[in-house]
């Protein structure tokens, strides 16, 4: 897991400061869920500024005129005819796939200059992935989590095992590298940010539930310490609650009460083991005020 970067969010002005992130390479898991976590949470723009490209690796040295290009055999299926491949500063158009691992290409596509390239060079398939904003991605599509700012990106199973390069404007990382149990404690190998957005409840005692992440609890584990910022806007009766395991399991829940801010509470999870779901719940007694909870940080006691 990459070292976390300061979360560039000002809670007082509710504004972000984004920094351009270029050439961040990730590998889509070979099995479900087909999602990766970027080093930073991408900024949501309209139109989107998140760019992603499938990567393939050159499996031979190229001179400046060769039109039969060998790629790593396992990457051959990633390439389609008419794809544009970027290798170093040269673009090549794929005109045929005569048989693995060889691609037939037109060199110097788009006015670029044919050049020599060394074996094992990584090449981008330009415009090979399209972002979608809802539903399940189809082949060659991806979906970014903008709602909870986890940095998670979801792919279709057709991209299982693919290498992908991202460019985006990052807001920083809300993740914490304080996992003292081991890198497999949290799903996606990192601690989660759980973010429950503003909630205006019109019915007393109605909880709004938000599924956030999963946590692995070893058998015999004891206590988790959970800290975060519970924000409320004027209501004297607003609550946020974190639940481990079954939703509405009151004996495995902790609550941030009225006016809480930068709160830290412990939770006994000795009765649980294995992968458990984490839920965030919110409630407010009034529909005139907003309540939310951000920046949840989980460590072992």
Protein backbone atom coordinates (compact mmCIF):
# COMPACT_ATOMS: atom_id res chain seq x y z
CA UNK A 1 0.00 0.00 0.00
CA UNK A 2 1.34 3.43 -0.89
CA UNK A 3 1.96 5.91 1.89
CA UNK A 4 -1.10 8.09 2.45
CA UNK A 5 -1.08 11.73 1.40
CA UNK A 6 -2.65 14.52 3.42
CA UNK A 7 -6.37 14.73 2.82
CA UNK A 8 -6.65 18.17 1.20
CA UNK A 9 -10.12 19.02 2.46
CA UNK A 10 -10.89 22.10 4.55
CA UNK A 11 -13.92 21.22 6.72
CA UNK A 12 -14.48 24.86 7.62
CA UNK A 13 -14.86 26.08 4.06
CA UNK A 14 -15.87 22.64 2.69
CA UNK A 15 -13.39 23.08 -0.15
CA UNK A 16 -10.76 20.82 -1.72
CA UNK A 17 -7.31 21.43 -3.14
CA UNK A 18 -6.54 19.11 -6.05
CA UNK A 19 -3.09 18.13 -7.37
CA UNK A 20 -2.52 16.49 -10.77
CA UNK A 21 -1.54 12.83 -10.51
CA UNK A 22 0.08 11.34 -13.62
CA UNK A 23 1.04 7.80 -14.62
CA UNK A 24 -0.30 5.94 -11.60
CA UNK A 25 -0.21 2.27 -12.57
CA UNK A 26 -2.50 -0.30 -10.95
CA UNK A 27 -3.41 -3.94 -11.56
CA UNK A 28 -7.04 -5.05 -11.60
CA UNK A 29 -7.49 -8.12 -9.37
CA UNK A 30 -7.79 -11.45 -11.16
CA UNK A 31 -10.88 -12.29 -9.10
CA UNK A 32 -13.96 -10.48 -7.84
CA UNK A 33 -14.33 -7.74 -6.74
CA UNK A 34 -12.67 -6.19 -9.79
CA UNK A 35 -11.67 -2.93 -8.19
CA UNK A 36 -8.53 -1.04 -7.29
CA UNK A 37 -7.77 1.75 -4.85
CA UNK A 38 -5.88 4.76 -6.17
CA UNK A 39 -3.30 6.55 -4.03
CA UNK A 40 -5.59 9.58 -3.84
CA UNK A 41 -9.30 10.23 -4.16
CA UNK A 42 -9.98 11.64 -7.67
CA UNK A 43 -11.77 14.97 -7.99
CA UNK A 44 -15.13 14.77 -9.70
CA UNK A 45 -15.32 17.13 -12.69
CA UNK A 46 -17.80 17.63 -15.50
CA UNK A 47 -16.66 16.57 -18.00
CA UNK A 48 -14.53 14.08 -16.15
CA UNK A 49 -10.76 14.66 -15.94
CA UNK A 50 -10.02 11.06 -14.92
CA UNK A 51 -8.18 9.28 -17.71
CA UNK A 52 -7.41 5.57 -17.77
CA UNK A 53 -5.59 3.44 -20.32
CA UNK A 54 -4.99 -0.30 -20.63
CA UNK A 55 -1.29 -1.22 -20.59
CA UNK A 56 0.53 -3.89 -22.59
CA UNK A 57 4.22 -4.75 -22.51
CA UNK A 58 6.55 -4.93 -25.48
CA UNK A 59 8.19 -8.34 -25.80
CA UNK A 60 10.93 -7.45 -28.28
CA UNK A 61 13.21 -4.59 -29.22
CA UNK A 62 11.86 -2.54 -32.13
CA UNK A 63 13.72 -0.68 -34.83
CA UNK A 64 12.15 2.39 -36.42
CA UNK A 65 10.52 0.56 -39.34
CA UNK A 66 9.28 -2.82 -38.08
CA UNK A 67 5.49 -3.26 -38.42
CA UNK A 68 5.13 -6.64 -36.73
CA UNK A 69 5.16 -5.89 -33.01
CA UNK A 70 5.38 -8.65 -30.40
CA UNK A 71 3.75 -8.05 -27.03
CA UNK A 72 3.78 -10.24 -23.92
CA UNK A 73 1.55 -13.19 -24.84
CA UNK A 74 -0.64 -12.76 -21.76
CA UNK A 75 -1.40 -9.19 -22.89
CA UNK A 76 -2.35 -10.05 -26.48
CA UNK A 77 -6.10 -10.29 -25.77
CA UNK A 78 -6.09 -6.78 -24.28
CA UNK A 79 -5.54 -5.25 -27.72
CA UNK A 80 -8.24 -4.70 -30.37
CA UNK A 81 -7.82 -3.91 -34.07
CA UNK A 82 -7.95 -0.09 -34.59
CA UNK A 83 -6.49 0.55 -31.14
CA UNK A 84 -3.89 3.33 -30.95
CA UNK A 85 -0.85 2.34 -28.89
CA UNK A 86 1.52 4.87 -27.34
CA UNK A 87 5.08 3.64 -26.81
CA UNK A 88 7.48 6.27 -25.52
CA UNK A 89 6.49 9.28 -27.71
CA UNK A 90 5.45 7.29 -30.79
CA UNK A 91 1.89 6.25 -31.63
CA UNK A 92 1.09 3.08 -33.57
CA UNK A 93 -2.26 2.02 -35.04
CA UNK A 94 -3.14 -1.67 -34.77
CA UNK A 95 -4.35 -2.82 -38.19
CA UNK A 96 -4.45 -6.60 -37.66
CA UNK A 97 -3.90 -9.39 -35.13
CA UNK A 98 -2.40 -12.24 -37.19
CA UNK A 99 -1.75 -14.40 -34.12
CA UNK A 100 -0.34 -14.17 -30.61
CA UNK A 101 1.92 -12.46 -29.73
CA UNK A 102 2.25 -10.37 -32.93
CA UNK A 103 0.34 -7.20 -33.76
CA UNK A 104 0.43 -5.63 -37.21
CA UNK A 105 0.73 -1.86 -36.85
CA UNK A 106 1.12 1.37 -38.76
CA UNK A 107 4.15 3.19 -37.35
CA UNK A 108 4.29 6.92 -36.65
CA UNK A 109 0.52 7.32 -36.38
CA UNK A 110 -0.93 10.80 -35.89
CA UNK A 111 2.15 12.61 -37.10
CA UNK A 112 4.44 11.07 -34.48
CA UNK A 113 7.96 9.96 -35.37
CA UNK A 114 8.85 6.25 -35.67
CA UNK A 115 11.66 5.40 -33.28
CA UNK A 116 13.49 2.48 -31.69
CA UNK A 117 12.04 0.96 -28.51
CA UNK A 118 13.51 -1.46 -25.99
CA UNK A 119 12.02 -4.77 -24.93
CA UNK A 120 9.80 -4.81 -21.80
CA UNK A 121 8.68 -1.20 -22.39
CA UNK A 122 5.13 -0.58 -21.16
CA UNK A 123 2.75 0.78 -23.80
CA UNK A 124 -0.59 2.54 -23.35
CA UNK A 125 -3.66 1.75 -25.43
CA UNK A 126 -4.99 5.28 -25.83
CA UNK A 127 -8.68 5.95 -25.09
CA UNK A 128 -9.15 2.28 -24.26
CA UNK A 129 -11.24 2.79 -21.12
CA UNK A 130 -14.41 4.88 -20.75
CA UNK A 131 -15.71 6.20 -17.44
CA UNK A 132 -19.30 5.55 -16.40
CA UNK A 133 -20.99 7.22 -13.44
CA UNK A 134 -23.61 4.64 -12.45
CA UNK A 135 -24.38 0.95 -12.60
CA UNK A 136 -21.94 -1.85 -13.31
CA UNK A 137 -19.19 -1.10 -15.85
CA UNK A 138 -19.23 -3.02 -19.12
CA UNK A 139 -16.08 -4.27 -20.83
CA UNK A 140 -13.53 -1.46 -21.23
CA UNK A 141 -15.46 0.75 -18.80
CA UNK A 142 -14.67 1.86 -15.25
CA UNK A 143 -16.52 3.63 -12.46
CA UNK A 144 -14.94 5.90 -9.83
CA UNK A 145 -16.31 6.19 -6.30
CA UNK A 146 -16.98 9.91 -5.89
CA UNK A 147 -19.67 9.52 -3.22
CA UNK A 148 -17.44 8.37 -0.36
CA UNK A 149 -14.04 9.48 -1.71
CA UNK A 150 -12.43 6.11 -1.01
CA UNK A 151 -10.31 6.21 -4.17
CA UNK A 152 -11.90 2.94 -5.29
CA UNK A 153 -12.37 2.25 -9.02
CA UNK A 154 -14.60 -0.57 -10.27
CA UNK A 155 -14.00 -2.51 -13.50
CA UNK A 156 -15.76 -5.19 -15.50
CA UNK A 157 -14.63 -8.81 -15.13
CA UNK A 158 -13.37 -8.62 -18.73
CA UNK A 159 -10.48 -6.51 -17.39
CA UNK A 160 -9.49 -9.03 -14.70
CA UNK A 161 -5.71 -9.03 -14.28
CA UNK A 162 -5.21 -6.01 -16.56
CA UNK A 163 -2.59 -3.35 -15.90
CA UNK A 164 -4.09 0.15 -16.09
CA UNK A 165 -2.54 3.64 -16.03
CA UNK A 166 -4.45 6.56 -14.47
CA UNK A 167 -4.14 10.34 -14.74
CA UNK A 168 -6.41 12.42 -12.52
CA UNK A 169 -6.66 15.37 -10.15
CA UNK A 170 -6.19 14.01 -6.63
CA UNK A 171 -7.71 15.38 -3.46
CA UNK A 172 -5.27 13.56 -1.21
CA UNK A 173 -5.82 10.29 0.62
CA UNK A 174 -8.06 9.89 3.65
CA UNK A 175 -6.51 6.46 4.36
CA UNK A 176 -4.29 5.72 7.32
CA UNK A 177 -1.24 3.44 7.42
CA UNK A 178 -1.73 2.38 11.05
CA UNK A 179 -2.72 -1.23 10.44
CA UNK A 180 -0.79 -3.05 13.16
CA UNK A 181 -2.34 -6.43 12.36
CA UNK A 182 -1.08 -6.71 8.81
CA UNK A 183 -1.85 -5.48 5.29
CA UNK A 184 -4.68 -7.98 4.83
CA UNK A 185 -6.75 -6.64 7.73
CA UNK A 186 -8.73 -4.31 5.51
CA UNK A 187 -10.32 -5.19 2.22
CA UNK A 188 -8.27 -3.60 -0.61
CA UNK A 189 -5.26 -3.60 1.76
CA UNK A 190 -5.99 -0.26 3.34
CA UNK A 191 -8.01 1.32 6.08
CA UNK A 192 -11.25 2.90 4.95
CA UNK A 193 -12.72 6.32 4.97
CA UNK A 194 -16.40 6.01 5.79
CA UNK A 195 -18.30 9.08 4.78
CA UNK A 196 -21.99 9.54 5.49
CA UNK A 197 -23.28 12.60 3.61
CA UNK A 198 -25.64 15.26 4.89
CA UNK A 199 -28.87 13.73 6.11
CA UNK A 200 -32.15 15.50 6.86
CA UNK A 201 -34.52 13.07 8.54
CA UNK A 202 -38.19 13.94 8.72
CA UNK A 203 -39.12 11.08 11.04
CA UNK A 204 -37.72 10.77 14.55
CA UNK A 205 -35.34 7.88 15.16
CA UNK A 206 -35.03 7.01 11.48
CA UNK A 207 -31.50 5.82 10.72
CA UNK A 208 -29.95 6.31 7.30
CA UNK A 209 -27.48 3.47 6.63
CA UNK A 210 -24.36 3.69 4.47
CA UNK A 211 -22.25 0.62 3.66
CA UNK A 212 -18.62 1.59 3.73
CA UNK A 213 -16.08 -1.25 3.72
CA UNK A 214 -15.11 -4.58 5.20
CA UNK A 215 -12.65 -5.40 7.97
CA UNK A 216 -10.94 -8.70 8.75
CA UNK A 217 -11.10 -9.56 12.44
CA UNK A 218 -8.75 -12.36 13.57
CA UNK A 219 -10.18 -14.91 15.99
CA UNK A 220 -9.66 -13.72 19.55
CA UNK A 221 -9.15 -10.07 18.60
CA UNK A 222 -10.26 -7.63 21.22
CA UNK A 223 -10.88 -3.93 20.81
CA UNK A 224 -10.99 -1.49 17.92
CA UNK A 225 -10.53 2.24 18.42
CA UNK A 226 -12.58 4.31 16.02
CA UNK A 227 -12.10 8.04 15.61
CA UNK A 228 -13.64 10.59 13.31
CA UNK A 229 -15.36 13.92 12.90
CA UNK A 230 -19.06 14.00 13.56
CA UNK A 231 -20.48 17.23 12.13
CA UNK A 232 -23.89 18.63 12.88
CA UNK A 233 -25.57 21.85 11.81
CA UNK A 234 -27.65 23.22 14.64
CA UNK A 235 -29.56 20.14 15.76
CA UNK A 236 -29.29 19.23 19.43
CA UNK A 237 -30.46 15.69 18.71
CA UNK A 238 -28.24 14.26 15.97
CA UNK A 239 -26.29 11.04 16.01
CA UNK A 240 -23.81 9.05 13.96
CA UNK A 241 -23.21 5.35 14.56
CA UNK A 242 -20.66 2.83 13.34
CA UNK A 243 -21.70 -0.84 13.24
CA UNK A 244 -19.46 -3.86 12.72
CA UNK A 245 -21.14 -7.02 11.48
CA UNK A 246 -24.91 -7.24 11.16
CA UNK A 247 -26.80 -4.01 10.54
CA UNK A 248 -28.75 -2.81 13.59
CA UNK A 249 -26.71 -5.03 15.90
CA UNK A 250 -26.75 -2.72 18.89
CA UNK A 251 -24.20 -4.68 20.92
CA UNK A 252 -21.59 -4.19 18.18
CA UNK A 253 -22.14 -0.52 17.57
CA UNK A 254 -20.69 2.74 18.83
CA UNK A 255 -22.27 6.17 18.59
CA UNK A 256 -21.09 9.71 18.30
CA UNK A 257 -23.56 11.81 20.26
CA UNK A 258 -24.77 15.38 20.17
CA UNK A 259 -22.16 18.02 19.30
CA UNK A 260 -19.36 15.44 18.99
CA UNK A 261 -16.23 16.56 17.14
CA UNK A 262 -12.92 14.73 16.66
CA UNK A 263 -14.30 11.86 18.71
CA UNK A 264 -12.51 8.62 19.60
CA UNK A 265 -14.40 5.60 20.99
CA UNK A 266 -13.55 1.92 21.50
CA UNK A 267 -15.60 -1.06 20.34
CA UNK A 268 -15.38 -4.65 21.64
CA UNK A 269 -15.29 -7.07 18.67
CA UNK A 270 -14.13 -10.17 20.58
CA UNK A 271 -17.26 -12.08 19.55
CA UNK A 272 -16.57 -11.61 15.83
CA UNK A 273 -14.04 -13.14 13.44
CA UNK A 274 -13.36 -13.18 9.71
CA UNK A 275 -14.53 -10.57 7.21
CA UNK A 276 -17.17 -8.26 8.67
CA UNK A 277 -19.07 -5.40 7.10
CA UNK A 278 -18.80 -1.86 8.38
CA UNK A 279 -21.84 0.40 8.31
CA UNK A 280 -22.27 4.06 9.08
CA UNK A 281 -25.66 5.27 10.27
CA UNK A 282 -27.00 8.78 10.78
CA UNK A 283 -30.11 10.22 12.33
CA UNK A 284 -31.45 13.67 13.15
CA UNK A 285 -34.63 14.54 14.99
CA UNK A 286 -35.26 17.54 12.81
CA UNK A 287 -35.57 18.08 9.08
CA UNK A 288 -34.18 21.58 9.56
CA UNK A 289 -30.61 20.54 10.21
CA UNK A 290 -27.94 18.47 8.54
CA UNK A 291 -25.73 15.84 10.13
CA UNK A 292 -22.81 13.91 8.67
CA UNK A 293 -19.73 11.97 9.70
CA UNK A 294 -16.33 11.97 8.02
CA UNK A 295 -12.76 10.68 8.34
CA UNK A 296 -13.28 7.45 10.23
CA UNK A 297 -9.94 6.02 11.39
CA UNK A 298 -9.71 2.46 12.76
CA UNK A 299 -6.83 0.98 14.76
CA UNK A 300 -6.41 -1.94 17.15
CA UNK A 301 -6.05 -1.34 20.87
